[in-house]
Amino acid sequence: MEPLDTLLSPYGCQRVTTEQLSLPWHGQTADQQLLVLPSDNILEVMDATLEDGMSLVTYVAQKLEQARQMTKLDAFGSIVRSFLSALDGVPREKETYATFEAVYAAYISVRDGHEMLEEQWSEPSYSHPDIDLSWIADREEEGLLLLTLPAGESQYAPLIVPMGGFNECPQPLEQVVLFRHWQDEHGMVPLVVTQDTWVVRVSKRPSTEAEALQLAKEHFLFCQYVLDSFDSVGQYAAYLRRHDIWVFWWD
């Protein structure tokens, strides 16, 4: 398998160190820069993804065509079907959901800890740590890579650096569909990707409590671990009204 920086070279990849990395690397330029923290796990996923010598550029083009045919409901439905199938071993490929409310109800019907699903608004005492050089250094394993993503195309990042398909982490195709949705709705751009984490920034926070609660439910479907530092969905919704950084992490 080729080194990760070689595989990513079509996307303006450069190897940097924490000393060379100035903040914000995700500055106000026309193009967006994505910081990649390489690891053996990312290379293994890349190896499994690029079967039969397929190039990364070809893979991205093929998956983008599929993504254009999918809606956010398609992506959420696929995530929930995979979760339920893994839970009880019953294939769910033919199950369909007409609305987001239906797919959310199917997901939470089998969840433990119903206090976590409380939707009542409550103020959080937690905020995510600063995504600074110290945060990066603590997670660095094999150097750092910086990718340049054309303006308006940063939602494609989950295909360019495919990770997922493990421990309830959605597949790259599902990720890119939802990244596109959140970019359209909230101006979301990815800042950092590791073997198990996406850090993103938004330029438009939810404007109402109802909008924030809907977004919190979407995040919970996408990544259950967003609630690890919060008491409930309602409390996480309050966080989303006040902060521009979202962190998705899978155990």
C-alpha atoms as a PDB file:
ATOM      1  CA  MET A   1       0.000   0.000   0.000  1.00  0.00           C
ATOM      2  CA  GLU A   2       1.300   3.430  -0.898  1.00  0.00           C
ATOM      3  CA  PRO A   3       1.889   6.018   1.837  1.00  0.00           C
ATOM      4  CA  LEU A   4      -1.152   8.108   2.698  1.00  0.00           C
ATOM      5  CA  ASP A   5       0.398  11.353   1.485  1.00  0.00           C
ATOM      6  CA  THR A   6       1.065   9.749  -1.918  1.00  0.00           C
ATOM      7  CA  LEU A   7      -2.521   8.553  -2.195  1.00  0.00           C
ATOM      8  CA  LEU A   8      -3.796  12.003  -1.277  1.00  0.00           C
ATOM      9  CA  SER A   9      -1.411  13.890  -3.577  1.00  0.00           C
ATOM     10  CA  PRO A  10      -4.128  14.766  -6.160  1.00  0.00           C
ATOM     11  CA  TYR A  11      -5.731  16.925  -3.471  1.00  0.00           C
ATOM     12  CA  GLY A  12      -2.832  19.254  -2.776  1.00  0.00           C
ATOM     13  CA  CYS A  13      -1.519  17.192   0.108  1.00  0.00           C
ATOM     14  CA  GLN A  14       1.498  18.440   2.024  1.00  0.00           C
ATOM     15  CA  ARG A  15       3.211  16.972   5.057  1.00  0.00           C
ATOM     16  CA  VAL A  16       3.602  19.405   7.966  1.00  0.00           C
ATOM     17  CA  THR A  17       4.639  19.357  11.615  1.00  0.00           C
ATOM     18  CA  THR A  18       2.927  20.975  14.568  1.00  0.00           C
ATOM     19  CA  GLU A  19       5.753  23.536  14.579  1.00  0.00           C
ATOM     20  CA  GLN A  20       5.019  24.449  10.958  1.00  0.00           C
ATOM     21  CA  LEU A  21       1.279  24.501  11.435  1.00  0.00           C
ATOM     22  CA  SER A  22       0.016  27.995  12.099  1.00  0.00           C
ATOM     23  CA  LEU A  23      -3.459  28.694  13.386  1.00  0.00           C
ATOM     24  CA  PRO A  24      -5.883  29.022  11.922  1.00  0.00           C
ATOM     25  CA  TRP A  25      -4.873  26.594   9.155  1.00  0.00           C
ATOM     26  CA  HIS A  26      -8.587  26.765   8.333  1.00  0.00           C
ATOM     27  CA  GLY A  27      -8.420  30.499   7.656  1.00  0.00           C
ATOM     28  CA  GLN A  28     -10.663  32.696   5.568  1.00  0.00           C
ATOM     29  CA  THR A  29      -9.240  31.678   2.184  1.00  0.00           C
ATOM     30  CA  ALA A  30     -11.217  30.730  -0.916  1.00  0.00           C
ATOM     31  CA  ASP A  31     -10.107  27.114  -0.567  1.00  0.00           C
ATOM     32  CA  GLN A  32     -10.554  25.098   2.611  1.00  0.00           C
ATOM     33  CA  GLN A  33      -7.732  23.198   4.269  1.00  0.00           C
ATOM     34  CA  LEU A  34      -8.346  19.898   6.013  1.00  0.00           C
ATOM     35  CA  LEU A  35      -5.885  18.625   8.597  1.00  0.00           C
ATOM     36  CA  VAL A  36      -5.419  14.838   8.464  1.00  0.00           C
ATOM     37  CA  LEU A  37      -3.880  12.908  11.348  1.00  0.00           C
ATOM     38  CA  PRO A  38      -2.584   9.739   9.629  1.00  0.00           C
ATOM     39  CA  SER A  39      -2.698   6.324  11.255  1.00  0.00           C
ATOM     40  CA  ASP A  40      -2.476   2.667  10.305  1.00  0.00           C
ATOM     41  CA  ASN A  41      -6.249   2.417  10.640  1.00  0.00           C
ATOM     42  CA  ILE A  42      -6.843   5.142   8.049  1.00  0.00           C
ATOM     43  CA  LEU A  43      -4.483   3.353   5.656  1.00  0.00           C
ATOM     44  CA  GLU A  44      -6.284   0.051   6.230  1.00  0.00           C
ATOM     45  CA  VAL A  45      -9.651   1.633   5.424  1.00  0.00           C
ATOM     46  CA  MET A  46      -8.125   3.263   2.349  1.00  0.00           C
ATOM     47  CA  ASP A  47      -6.678  -0.088   1.252  1.00  0.00           C
ATOM     48  CA  ALA A  48     -10.068  -1.795   1.616  1.00  0.00           C
ATOM     49  CA  THR A  49     -11.768   1.087  -0.185  1.00  0.00           C
ATOM     50  CA  LEU A  50      -9.491   1.223  -3.228  1.00  0.00           C
ATOM     51  CA  GLU A  51      -9.940  -2.332  -4.411  1.00  0.00           C
ATOM     52  CA  ASP A  52      -8.362  -3.708  -7.598  1.00  0.00           C
ATOM     53  CA  GLY A  53      -5.956  -0.817  -7.990  1.00  0.00           C
ATOM     54  CA  MET A  54      -8.660   1.838  -8.269  1.00  0.00           C
ATOM     55  CA  SER A  55      -7.291   5.359  -7.909  1.00  0.00           C
ATOM     56  CA  LEU A  56      -8.621   7.649  -5.219  1.00  0.00           C
ATOM     57  CA  VAL A  57      -9.776  10.144  -7.847  1.00  0.00           C
ATOM     58  CA  THR A  58     -11.842   7.449  -9.594  1.00  0.00           C
ATOM     59  CA  TYR A  59     -13.321   6.273  -6.298  1.00  0.00           C
ATOM     60  CA  VAL A  60     -14.316   9.822  -5.323  1.00  0.00           C
ATOM     61  CA  ALA A  61     -15.936  10.455  -8.729  1.00  0.00           C
ATOM     62  CA  GLN A  62     -17.941   7.211  -8.565  1.00  0.00           C
ATOM     63  CA  LYS A  63     -19.150   7.789  -5.012  1.00  0.00           C
ATOM     64  CA  LEU A  64     -20.045  11.410  -5.722  1.00  0.00           C
ATOM     65  CA  GLU A  65     -22.342  10.247  -8.483  1.00  0.00           C
ATOM     66  CA  GLN A  66     -24.051   7.928  -5.999  1.00  0.00           C
ATOM     67  CA  ALA A  67     -24.211  10.693  -3.389  1.00  0.00           C
ATOM     68  CA  ARG A  68     -25.993  13.018  -5.801  1.00  0.00           C
ATOM     69  CA  GLN A  69     -28.820  10.477  -6.014  1.00  0.00           C
ATOM     70  CA  MET A  70     -29.245  10.301  -2.227  1.00  0.00           C
ATOM     71  CA  THR A  71     -31.188  12.534   0.141  1.00  0.00           C
ATOM     72  CA  LYS A  72     -30.469  13.106   3.819  1.00  0.00           C
ATOM     73  CA  LEU A  73     -33.381  10.767   4.621  1.00  0.00           C
ATOM     74  CA  ASP A  74     -31.741   8.071   2.476  1.00  0.00           C
ATOM     75  CA  ALA A  75     -28.531   8.473   4.479  1.00  0.00           C
ATOM     76  CA  PHE A  76     -30.241   8.400   7.871  1.00  0.00           C
ATOM     77  CA  GLY A  77     -32.319   5.405   6.817  1.00  0.00           C
ATOM     78  CA  SER A  78     -29.195   3.534   5.727  1.00  0.00           C
ATOM     79  CA  ILE A  79     -27.468   4.307   9.033  1.00  0.00           C
ATOM     80  CA  VAL A  80     -30.412   3.057  11.089  1.00  0.00           C
ATOM     81  CA  ARG A  81     -30.935  -0.073   8.985  1.00  0.00           C
ATOM     82  CA  SER A  82     -27.259  -0.975   9.486  1.00  0.00           C
ATOM     83  CA  PHE A  83     -27.525  -0.356  13.227  1.00  0.00           C
ATOM     84  CA  LEU A  84     -30.674  -2.446  13.664  1.00  0.00           C
ATOM     85  CA  SER A  85     -29.309  -5.271  11.495  1.00  0.00           C
ATOM     86  CA  ALA A  86     -26.140  -5.451  13.566  1.00  0.00           C
ATOM     87  CA  LEU A  87     -28.165  -5.351  16.780  1.00  0.00           C
ATOM     88  CA  ASP A  88     -30.367  -8.377  16.165  1.00  0.00           C
ATOM     89  CA  GLY A  89     -28.923 -10.004  13.041  1.00  0.00           C
ATOM     90  CA  VAL A  90     -32.101  -9.433  11.029  1.00  0.00           C
ATOM     91  CA  PRO A  91     -31.513  -7.989   7.523  1.00  0.00           C
ATOM     92  CA  ARG A  92     -33.258  -4.621   7.097  1.00  0.00           C
ATOM     93  CA  GLU A  93     -32.408  -3.744   3.501  1.00  0.00           C
ATOM     94  CA  LYS A  94     -36.079  -3.522   2.468  1.00  0.00           C
ATOM     95  CA  GLU A  95     -37.228  -1.355   5.363  1.00  0.00           C
ATOM     96  CA  THR A  96     -38.086   2.196   4.357  1.00  0.00           C
ATOM     97  CA  TYR A  97     -38.861   5.347   6.313  1.00  0.00           C
ATOM     98  CA  ALA A  98     -41.122   8.058   4.940  1.00  0.00           C
ATOM     99  CA  THR A  99     -39.964  10.830   7.273  1.00  0.00           C
ATOM    100  CA  PHE A 100     -37.083  11.757   9.534  1.00  0.00           C
ATOM    101  CA  GLU A 101     -39.430  11.326  12.516  1.00  0.00           C
ATOM    102  CA  ALA A 102     -40.041   7.717  11.483  1.00  0.00           C
ATOM    103  CA  VAL A 103     -36.367   6.846  11.156  1.00  0.00           C
ATOM    104  CA  TYR A 104     -35.555   8.591  14.446  1.00  0.00           C
ATOM    105  CA  ALA A 105     -38.354   6.687  16.218  1.00  0.00           C
ATOM    106  CA  ALA A 106     -36.990   3.376  14.893  1.00  0.00           C
ATOM    107  CA  TYR A 107     -33.541   4.247  16.191  1.00  0.00           C
ATOM    108  CA  ILE A 108     -34.485   5.372  19.690  1.00  0.00           C
ATOM    109  CA  SER A 109     -36.959   2.488  20.161  1.00  0.00           C
ATOM    110  CA  VAL A 110     -34.050   0.156  20.891  1.00  0.00           C
ATOM    111  CA  ARG A 111     -31.805   2.583  22.776  1.00  0.00           C
ATOM    112  CA  ASP A 112     -31.087   2.284  26.475  1.00  0.00           C
ATOM    113  CA  GLY A 113     -30.915   5.304  28.753  1.00  0.00           C
ATOM    114  CA  HIS A 114     -34.114   7.137  27.897  1.00  0.00           C
ATOM    115  CA  GLU A 115     -33.175  10.074  30.111  1.00  0.00           C
ATOM    116  CA  MET A 116     -30.590  10.812  27.432  1.00  0.00           C
ATOM    117  CA  LEU A 117     -33.415  11.270  24.911  1.00  0.00           C
ATOM    118  CA  GLU A 118     -35.103  14.015  26.943  1.00  0.00           C
ATOM    119  CA  GLU A 119     -35.864  16.955  24.639  1.00  0.00           C
ATOM    120  CA  GLN A 120     -36.480  19.579  27.291  1.00  0.00           C
ATOM    121  CA  TRP A 121     -34.182  22.571  26.859  1.00  0.00           C
ATOM    122  CA  SER A 122     -31.420  22.833  29.467  1.00  0.00           C
ATOM    123  CA  GLU A 123     -28.221  24.827  29.561  1.00  0.00           C
ATOM    124  CA  PRO A 124     -24.981  22.817  29.183  1.00  0.00           C
ATOM    125  CA  SER A 125     -22.005  23.305  31.472  1.00  0.00           C
ATOM    126  CA  TYR A 126     -19.684  21.722  28.917  1.00  0.00           C
ATOM    127  CA  SER A 127     -18.008  23.089  25.806  1.00  0.00           C
ATOM    128  CA  HIS A 128     -15.579  21.208  23.618  1.00  0.00           C
ATOM    129  CA  PRO A 129     -11.900  21.992  24.183  1.00  0.00           C
ATOM    130  CA  ASP A 130     -10.156  24.345  21.822  1.00  0.00           C
ATOM    131  CA  ILE A 131      -8.972  22.570  18.685  1.00  0.00           C
ATOM    132  CA  ASP A 132      -5.493  24.003  19.003  1.00  0.00           C
ATOM    133  CA  LEU A 133      -1.918  22.806  18.581  1.00  0.00           C
ATOM    134  CA  SER A 134      -1.983  21.074  21.959  1.00  0.00           C
ATOM    135  CA  TRP A 135      -5.133  19.117  21.013  1.00  0.00           C
ATOM    136  CA  ILE A 136      -3.479  18.095  17.742  1.00  0.00           C
ATOM    137  CA  ALA A 137      -0.163  17.105  19.349  1.00  0.00           C
ATOM    138  CA  ASP A 138      -1.987  14.834  21.832  1.00  0.00           C
ATOM    139  CA  ARG A 139      -3.493  12.859  18.943  1.00  0.00           C
ATOM    140  CA  GLU A 140      -0.647  12.872  16.458  1.00  0.00           C
ATOM    141  CA  GLU A 141       0.745   9.423  15.631  1.00  0.00           C
ATOM    142  CA  GLU A 142       2.481   9.608  12.266  1.00  0.00           C
ATOM    143  CA  GLY A 143       2.883  13.273  11.416  1.00  0.00           C
ATOM    144  CA  LEU A 144       0.320  15.617   9.926  1.00  0.00           C
ATOM    145  CA  LEU A 145      -1.059  16.097   6.440  1.00  0.00           C
ATOM    146  CA  LEU A 146      -2.740  19.225   5.123  1.00  0.00           C
ATOM    147  CA  LEU A 147      -5.166  18.932   2.195  1.00  0.00           C
ATOM    148  CA  THR A 148      -6.534  21.729   0.063  1.00  0.00           C
ATOM    149  CA  LEU A 149     -10.224  21.362  -0.730  1.00  0.00           C
ATOM    150  CA  PRO A 150     -11.725  23.661  -3.380  1.00  0.00           C
ATOM    151  CA  ALA A 151     -14.179  26.233  -2.081  1.00  0.00           C
ATOM    152  CA  GLY A 152     -17.677  24.811  -1.862  1.00  0.00           C
ATOM    153  CA  GLU A 153     -16.478  21.209  -2.135  1.00  0.00           C
ATOM    154  CA  SER A 154     -15.376  20.506   1.419  1.00  0.00           C
ATOM    155  CA  GLN A 155     -18.383  18.233   1.949  1.00  0.00           C
ATOM    156  CA  TYR A 156     -16.564  15.683  -0.227  1.00  0.00           C
ATOM    157  CA  ALA A 157     -13.885  15.219   2.435  1.00  0.00           C
ATOM    158  CA  PRO A 158     -15.313  11.891   3.754  1.00  0.00           C
ATOM    159  CA  LEU A 159     -14.674  10.369   0.319  1.00  0.00           C
ATOM    160  CA  ILE A 160     -11.206  11.851  -0.079  1.00  0.00           C
ATOM    161  CA  VAL A 161     -10.201  10.551   3.367  1.00  0.00           C
ATOM    162  CA  PRO A 162     -12.543   7.567   3.786  1.00  0.00           C
ATOM    163  CA  MET A 163     -13.028   6.450   7.361  1.00  0.00           C
ATOM    164  CA  GLY A 164     -15.976   4.700   8.946  1.00  0.00           C
ATOM    165  CA  GLY A 165     -17.980   1.531   8.725  1.00  0.00           C
ATOM    166  CA  PHE A 166     -16.994   0.478  12.259  1.00  0.00           C
ATOM    167  CA  ASN A 167     -18.571   0.746  15.733  1.00  0.00           C
ATOM    168  CA  GLU A 168     -21.653   2.527  14.368  1.00  0.00           C
ATOM    169  CA  CYS A 169     -19.522   5.013  12.413  1.00  0.00           C
ATOM    170  CA  PRO A 170     -21.397   5.607   9.137  1.00  0.00           C
ATOM    171  CA  GLN A 171     -19.944   4.659   5.786  1.00  0.00           C
ATOM    172  CA  PRO A 172     -18.154   7.423   3.808  1.00  0.00           C
ATOM    173  CA  LEU A 173     -21.057   7.668   1.351  1.00  0.00           C
ATOM    174  CA  GLU A 174     -23.528   8.325   4.172  1.00  0.00           C
ATOM    175  CA  GLN A 175     -21.126  10.818   5.702  1.00  0.00           C
ATOM    176  CA  VAL A 176     -20.747  12.844   2.509  1.00  0.00           C
ATOM    177  CA  VAL A 177     -24.516  13.086   1.991  1.00  0.00           C
ATOM    178  CA  LEU A 178     -24.979  14.465   5.505  1.00  0.00           C
ATOM    179  CA  PHE A 179     -21.940  16.741   5.243  1.00  0.00           C
ATOM    180  CA  ARG A 180     -23.542  18.190   2.111  1.00  0.00           C
ATOM    181  CA  HIS A 181     -26.820  18.697   3.972  1.00  0.00           C
ATOM    182  CA  TRP A 182     -25.121  20.436   6.913  1.00  0.00           C
ATOM    183  CA  GLN A 183     -23.001  22.554   4.588  1.00  0.00           C
ATOM    184  CA  ASP A 184     -26.150  23.752   2.826  1.00  0.00           C
ATOM    185  CA  GLU A 185     -28.007  24.424   6.082  1.00  0.00           C
ATOM    186  CA  HIS A 186     -25.235  25.630   8.370  1.00  0.00           C
ATOM    187  CA  GLY A 187     -22.178  26.447   6.257  1.00  0.00           C
ATOM    188  CA  MET A 188     -20.319  23.480   7.755  1.00  0.00           C
ATOM    189  CA  VAL A 189     -16.697  22.840   6.743  1.00  0.00           C
ATOM    190  CA  PRO A 190     -14.461  20.022   8.044  1.00  0.00           C
ATOM    191  CA  LEU A 191     -11.331  21.083   9.920  1.00  0.00           C
ATOM    192  CA  VAL A 192      -9.700  17.848  11.179  1.00  0.00           C
ATOM    193  CA  VAL A 193     -10.067  14.131  10.526  1.00  0.00           C
ATOM    194  CA  THR A 194      -8.471  11.281  12.472  1.00  0.00           C
ATOM    195  CA  GLN A 195      -9.075   7.539  12.392  1.00  0.00           C
ATOM    196  CA  ASP A 196     -12.194   7.987  14.547  1.00  0.00           C
ATOM    197  CA  THR A 197     -13.047  11.712  14.642  1.00  0.00           C
ATOM    198  CA  TRP A 198     -14.339  14.558  12.510  1.00  0.00           C
ATOM    199  CA  VAL A 199     -14.007  18.124  13.787  1.00  0.00           C
ATOM    200  CA  VAL A 200     -16.051  20.644  11.811  1.00  0.00           C
ATOM    201  CA  ARG A 201     -16.897  24.345  12.011  1.00  0.00           C
ATOM    202  CA  VAL A 202     -20.142  26.065  11.061  1.00  0.00           C
ATOM    203  CA  SER A 203     -20.831  29.629   9.988  1.00  0.00           C
ATOM    204  CA  LYS A 204     -24.573  29.533  10.721  1.00  0.00           C
ATOM    205  CA  ARG A 205     -25.829  28.259  14.066  1.00  0.00           C
ATOM    206  CA  PRO A 206     -29.432  27.089  14.488  1.00  0.00           C
ATOM    207  CA  SER A 207     -31.607  30.200  14.793  1.00  0.00           C
ATOM    208  CA  THR A 208     -34.374  28.744  16.988  1.00  0.00           C
ATOM    209  CA  GLU A 209     -34.709  26.160  19.749  1.00  0.00           C
ATOM    210  CA  ALA A 210     -36.797  23.965  17.434  1.00  0.00           C
ATOM    211  CA  GLU A 211     -34.127  24.081  14.729  1.00  0.00           C
ATOM    212  CA  ALA A 212     -31.409  23.287  17.282  1.00  0.00           C
ATOM    213  CA  LEU A 213     -33.391  20.313  18.620  1.00  0.00           C
ATOM    214  CA  GLN A 214     -33.869  18.930  15.120  1.00  0.00           C
ATOM    215  CA  LEU A 215     -30.139  19.307  14.469  1.00  0.00           C
ATOM    216  CA  ALA A 216     -29.294  17.612  17.785  1.00  0.00           C
ATOM    217  CA  LYS A 217     -31.426  14.627  16.795  1.00  0.00           C
ATOM    218  CA  GLU A 218     -29.684  14.438  13.420  1.00  0.00           C
ATOM    219  CA  HIS A 219     -26.293  14.473  15.125  1.00  0.00           C
ATOM    220  CA  PHE A 220     -27.391  11.758  17.568  1.00  0.00           C
ATOM    221  CA  LEU A 221     -28.482   9.539  14.681  1.00  0.00           C
ATOM    222  CA  PHE A 222     -25.215  10.205  12.901  1.00  0.00           C
ATOM    223  CA  CYS A 223     -22.985   9.771  15.978  1.00  0.00           C
ATOM    224  CA  GLN A 224     -24.437   8.630  19.304  1.00  0.00           C
ATOM    225  CA  TYR A 225     -21.273   9.721  21.109  1.00  0.00           C
ATOM    226  CA  VAL A 226     -22.094  13.417  20.687  1.00  0.00           C
ATOM    227  CA  LEU A 227     -24.103  13.013  23.903  1.00  0.00           C
ATOM    228  CA  ASP A 228     -21.205  11.624  25.950  1.00  0.00           C
ATOM    229  CA  SER A 229     -20.592  15.012  27.574  1.00  0.00           C
ATOM    230  CA  PHE A 230     -24.235  16.068  27.816  1.00  0.00           C
ATOM    231  CA  ASP A 231     -27.204  14.978  29.899  1.00  0.00           C
ATOM    232  CA  SER A 232     -29.726  14.857  27.069  1.00  0.00           C
ATOM    233  CA  VAL A 233     -30.577  15.674  23.474  1.00  0.00           C
ATOM    234  CA  GLY A 234     -32.176  18.891  24.704  1.00  0.00           C
ATOM    235  CA  GLN A 235     -29.018  19.984  26.475  1.00  0.00           C
ATOM    236  CA  TYR A 236     -26.934  19.205  23.405  1.00  0.00           C
ATOM    237  CA  ALA A 237     -29.348  21.315  21.342  1.00  0.00           C
ATOM    238  CA  ALA A 238     -28.593  24.249  23.644  1.00  0.00           C
ATOM    239  CA  TYR A 239     -24.878  23.700  22.988  1.00  0.00           C
ATOM    240  CA  LEU A 240     -25.462  23.856  19.227  1.00  0.00           C
ATOM    241  CA  ARG A 241     -27.147  27.257  19.575  1.00  0.00           C
ATOM    242  CA  ARG A 242     -24.002  28.733  21.157  1.00  0.00           C
ATOM    243  CA  HIS A 243     -21.002  27.079  19.531  1.00  0.00           C
ATOM    244  CA  ASP A 244     -19.499  26.891  16.044  1.00  0.00           C
ATOM    245  CA  ILE A 245     -17.416  23.718  16.541  1.00  0.00           C
ATOM    246  CA  TRP A 246     -18.976  20.267  16.227  1.00  0.00           C
ATOM    247  CA  VAL A 247     -17.028  17.107  17.144  1.00  0.00           C
ATOM    248  CA  PHE A 248     -18.100  13.670  15.916  1.00  0.00           C
ATOM    249  CA  TRP A 249     -16.217  10.826  17.582  1.00  0.00           C
ATOM    250  CA  TRP A 250     -16.797   7.073  17.471  1.00  0.00           C
ATOM    251  CA  ASP A 251     -15.464   4.690  20.115  1.00  0.00           C
END
